[in-house]
Amino acid sequence: MEIKPNYIVDEQNHKIAVQLDIKTFKKIEEIFKNHALYHLMQEEDTDDEVLDLEQAKEYYDTLEKQ
């Protein structure tokens, strides 16, 4: 994946933000989601069972998004 960032700078030319095309952003978002789901599946619940993919997705959907 090639990332082509556009930097947003302040009056002193300091980088303060970055802008990505939507296709790149969606890829990064999917990578983060998959990473979170993987870790949720590895966590053990009170019955010492590992979450399956559907359980992890359901739990992920209940988490507060920022």
N, C-alpha and C. Protein backbone atom coordinates (compact mmCIF):
# COMPACT_ATOMS: atom_id res chain seq x y z
N MET A 1 0.85 -1.17 0.00
CA MET A 1 0.00 0.00 0.00
C MET A 1 0.90 1.23 0.00
N GLU A 2 0.68 2.09 -0.95
CA GLU A 2 1.44 3.34 -1.02
C GLU A 2 0.59 4.45 -0.41
N ILE A 3 1.17 5.17 0.54
CA ILE A 3 0.47 6.27 1.19
C ILE A 3 1.03 7.58 0.65
N LYS A 4 0.15 8.40 0.11
CA LYS A 4 0.54 9.71 -0.42
C LYS A 4 -0.13 10.78 0.42
N PRO A 5 0.52 11.18 1.53
CA PRO A 5 -0.10 12.17 2.41
C PRO A 5 0.01 13.59 1.86
N ASN A 6 -1.00 14.38 2.16
CA ASN A 6 -0.96 15.83 1.92
C ASN A 6 -0.89 16.47 3.30
N TYR A 7 0.16 17.21 3.55
CA TYR A 7 0.34 17.81 4.86
C TYR A 7 -0.32 19.18 4.93
N ILE A 8 -0.92 19.44 6.06
CA ILE A 8 -1.50 20.74 6.35
C ILE A 8 -0.56 21.41 7.33
N VAL A 9 -0.16 22.64 7.02
CA VAL A 9 0.84 23.34 7.83
C VAL A 9 0.26 24.62 8.42
N ASP A 10 0.89 25.06 9.51
CA ASP A 10 0.48 26.32 10.12
C ASP A 10 1.28 27.48 9.51
N GLU A 11 1.13 28.68 10.11
CA GLU A 11 1.80 29.88 9.60
C GLU A 11 3.32 29.77 9.63
N GLN A 12 3.87 28.95 10.54
CA GLN A 12 5.32 28.76 10.63
C GLN A 12 5.78 27.56 9.81
N ASN A 13 4.91 27.03 8.99
CA ASN A 13 5.20 25.89 8.13
C ASN A 13 5.45 24.59 8.90
N HIS A 14 4.89 24.49 10.12
CA HIS A 14 4.96 23.25 10.90
C HIS A 14 3.79 22.35 10.50
N LYS A 15 4.07 21.09 10.29
CA LYS A 15 3.01 20.14 9.94
C LYS A 15 2.08 19.97 11.15
N ILE A 16 0.79 20.18 10.93
CA ILE A 16 -0.18 20.06 12.02
C ILE A 16 -1.25 19.00 11.75
N ALA A 17 -1.34 18.56 10.51
CA ALA A 17 -2.34 17.54 10.16
C ALA A 17 -1.93 16.88 8.85
N VAL A 18 -2.59 15.79 8.57
CA VAL A 18 -2.33 15.08 7.32
C VAL A 18 -3.66 14.73 6.68
N GLN A 19 -3.70 14.77 5.37
CA GLN A 19 -4.90 14.45 4.62
C GLN A 19 -4.57 13.27 3.70
N LEU A 20 -5.46 12.27 3.72
CA LEU A 20 -5.28 11.08 2.89
C LEU A 20 -6.46 10.94 1.94
N ASP A 21 -6.22 10.29 0.79
CA ASP A 21 -7.35 10.02 -0.08
C ASP A 21 -8.23 8.96 0.59
N ILE A 22 -9.49 8.92 0.22
CA ILE A 22 -10.46 8.06 0.90
C ILE A 22 -10.12 6.58 0.73
N LYS A 23 -9.58 6.18 -0.41
CA LYS A 23 -9.23 4.78 -0.64
C LYS A 23 -8.16 4.33 0.35
N THR A 24 -7.13 5.15 0.55
CA THR A 24 -6.08 4.83 1.51
C THR A 24 -6.64 4.81 2.93
N PHE A 25 -7.48 5.79 3.27
CA PHE A 25 -8.08 5.83 4.60
C PHE A 25 -8.88 4.58 4.88
N LYS A 26 -9.70 4.15 3.91
CA LYS A 26 -10.52 2.95 4.09
C LYS A 26 -9.66 1.71 4.30
N LYS A 27 -8.53 1.61 3.59
CA LYS A 27 -7.62 0.48 3.78
C LYS A 27 -7.05 0.48 5.19
N ILE A 28 -6.61 1.64 5.65
CA ILE A 28 -6.05 1.76 7.00
C ILE A 28 -7.12 1.42 8.04
N GLU A 29 -8.32 1.93 7.84
CA GLU A 29 -9.43 1.66 8.76
C GLU A 29 -9.71 0.15 8.84
N GLU A 30 -9.69 -0.54 7.70
CA GLU A 30 -9.92 -1.98 7.67
C GLU A 30 -8.81 -2.73 8.40
N ILE A 31 -7.57 -2.28 8.23
CA ILE A 31 -6.44 -2.90 8.92
C ILE A 31 -6.61 -2.77 10.43
N PHE A 32 -6.98 -1.58 10.90
CA PHE A 32 -7.21 -1.37 12.34
C PHE A 32 -8.33 -2.26 12.85
N LYS A 33 -9.41 -2.33 12.09
CA LYS A 33 -10.55 -3.15 12.52
C LYS A 33 -10.16 -4.62 12.60
N ASN A 34 -9.45 -5.11 11.60
CA ASN A 34 -9.01 -6.50 11.61
C ASN A 34 -8.07 -6.77 12.78
N HIS A 35 -7.21 -5.83 13.07
CA HIS A 35 -6.28 -5.97 14.19
C HIS A 35 -7.06 -6.06 15.52
N ALA A 36 -8.04 -5.18 15.67
CA ALA A 36 -8.86 -5.19 16.89
C ALA A 36 -9.64 -6.49 17.00
N LEU A 37 -10.21 -6.95 15.89
CA LEU A 37 -10.97 -8.20 15.92
C LEU A 37 -10.07 -9.37 16.29
N TYR A 38 -8.87 -9.39 15.75
CA TYR A 38 -7.92 -10.47 16.07
C TYR A 38 -7.67 -10.52 17.57
N HIS A 39 -7.42 -9.34 18.16
CA HIS A 39 -7.14 -9.30 19.60
C HIS A 39 -8.37 -9.66 20.43
N LEU A 40 -9.54 -9.24 19.99
CA LEU A 40 -10.76 -9.61 20.71
C LEU A 40 -10.96 -11.12 20.66
N MET A 41 -10.62 -11.74 19.54
CA MET A 41 -10.79 -13.18 19.41
C MET A 41 -9.80 -13.93 20.31
N GLN A 42 -8.66 -13.31 20.61
CA GLN A 42 -7.65 -13.94 21.44
C GLN A 42 -7.95 -13.81 22.93
N GLU A 43 -8.73 -12.76 23.28
CA GLU A 43 -9.07 -12.56 24.69
C GLU A 43 -9.99 -13.67 25.17
N GLU A 44 -9.80 -14.04 26.39
CA GLU A 44 -10.65 -15.09 26.96
C GLU A 44 -11.74 -14.45 27.80
N ASP A 45 -12.94 -15.00 27.72
CA ASP A 45 -14.03 -14.50 28.56
C ASP A 45 -14.03 -15.27 29.88
N THR A 46 -15.07 -15.09 30.66
CA THR A 46 -15.11 -15.69 31.99
C THR A 46 -15.17 -17.21 31.95
N ASP A 47 -15.61 -17.78 30.84
CA ASP A 47 -15.68 -19.24 30.71
C ASP A 47 -14.42 -19.82 30.08
N ASP A 48 -13.37 -19.01 29.95
CA ASP A 48 -12.12 -19.43 29.33
C ASP A 48 -12.29 -19.88 27.88
N GLU A 49 -13.26 -19.29 27.18
CA GLU A 49 -13.47 -19.59 25.77
C GLU A 49 -12.94 -18.43 24.93
N VAL A 50 -12.36 -18.74 23.79
CA VAL A 50 -11.89 -17.71 22.87
C VAL A 50 -13.07 -17.28 22.02
N LEU A 51 -13.19 -15.98 21.75
CA LEU A 51 -14.28 -15.48 20.92
C LEU A 51 -14.11 -15.97 19.49
N ASP A 52 -15.23 -16.37 18.87
CA ASP A 52 -15.15 -16.67 17.45
C ASP A 52 -15.32 -15.36 16.67
N LEU A 53 -15.19 -15.43 15.35
CA LEU A 53 -15.22 -14.22 14.54
C LEU A 53 -16.51 -13.43 14.73
N GLU A 54 -17.65 -14.09 14.72
CA GLU A 54 -18.93 -13.39 14.86
C GLU A 54 -19.06 -12.73 16.24
N GLN A 55 -18.63 -13.43 17.29
CA GLN A 55 -18.68 -12.86 18.64
C GLN A 55 -17.77 -11.64 18.72
N ALA A 56 -16.59 -11.73 18.13
CA ALA A 56 -15.66 -10.61 18.15
C ALA A 56 -16.23 -9.41 17.39
N LYS A 57 -16.86 -9.66 16.24
CA LYS A 57 -17.48 -8.57 15.47
C LYS A 57 -18.60 -7.91 16.26
N GLU A 58 -19.45 -8.72 16.89
CA GLU A 58 -20.54 -8.18 17.69
C GLU A 58 -20.01 -7.33 18.84
N TYR A 59 -18.98 -7.82 19.52
CA TYR A 59 -18.40 -7.07 20.62
C TYR A 59 -17.75 -5.79 20.11
N TYR A 60 -17.03 -5.86 19.00
CA TYR A 60 -16.38 -4.69 18.41
C TYR A 60 -17.41 -3.61 18.09
N ASP A 61 -18.55 -4.01 17.57
CA ASP A 61 -19.60 -3.05 17.20
C ASP A 61 -20.18 -2.34 18.42
N THR A 62 -20.06 -2.95 19.62
CA THR A 62 -20.58 -2.31 20.82
C THR A 62 -19.59 -1.31 21.43
N LEU A 63 -18.34 -1.36 20.99
CA LEU A 63 -17.33 -0.46 21.54
C LEU A 63 -17.56 0.97 21.07
N GLU A 64 -17.23 1.92 21.93
CA GLU A 64 -17.41 3.33 21.60
C GLU A 64 -16.36 3.74 20.57
N LYS A 65 -16.81 4.34 19.49
CA LYS A 65 -15.91 4.81 18.43
C LYS A 65 -15.63 6.30 18.67
N GLN A 66 -14.41 6.70 18.42
CA GLN A 66 -14.06 8.12 18.60
C GLN A 66 -14.04 8.84 17.30
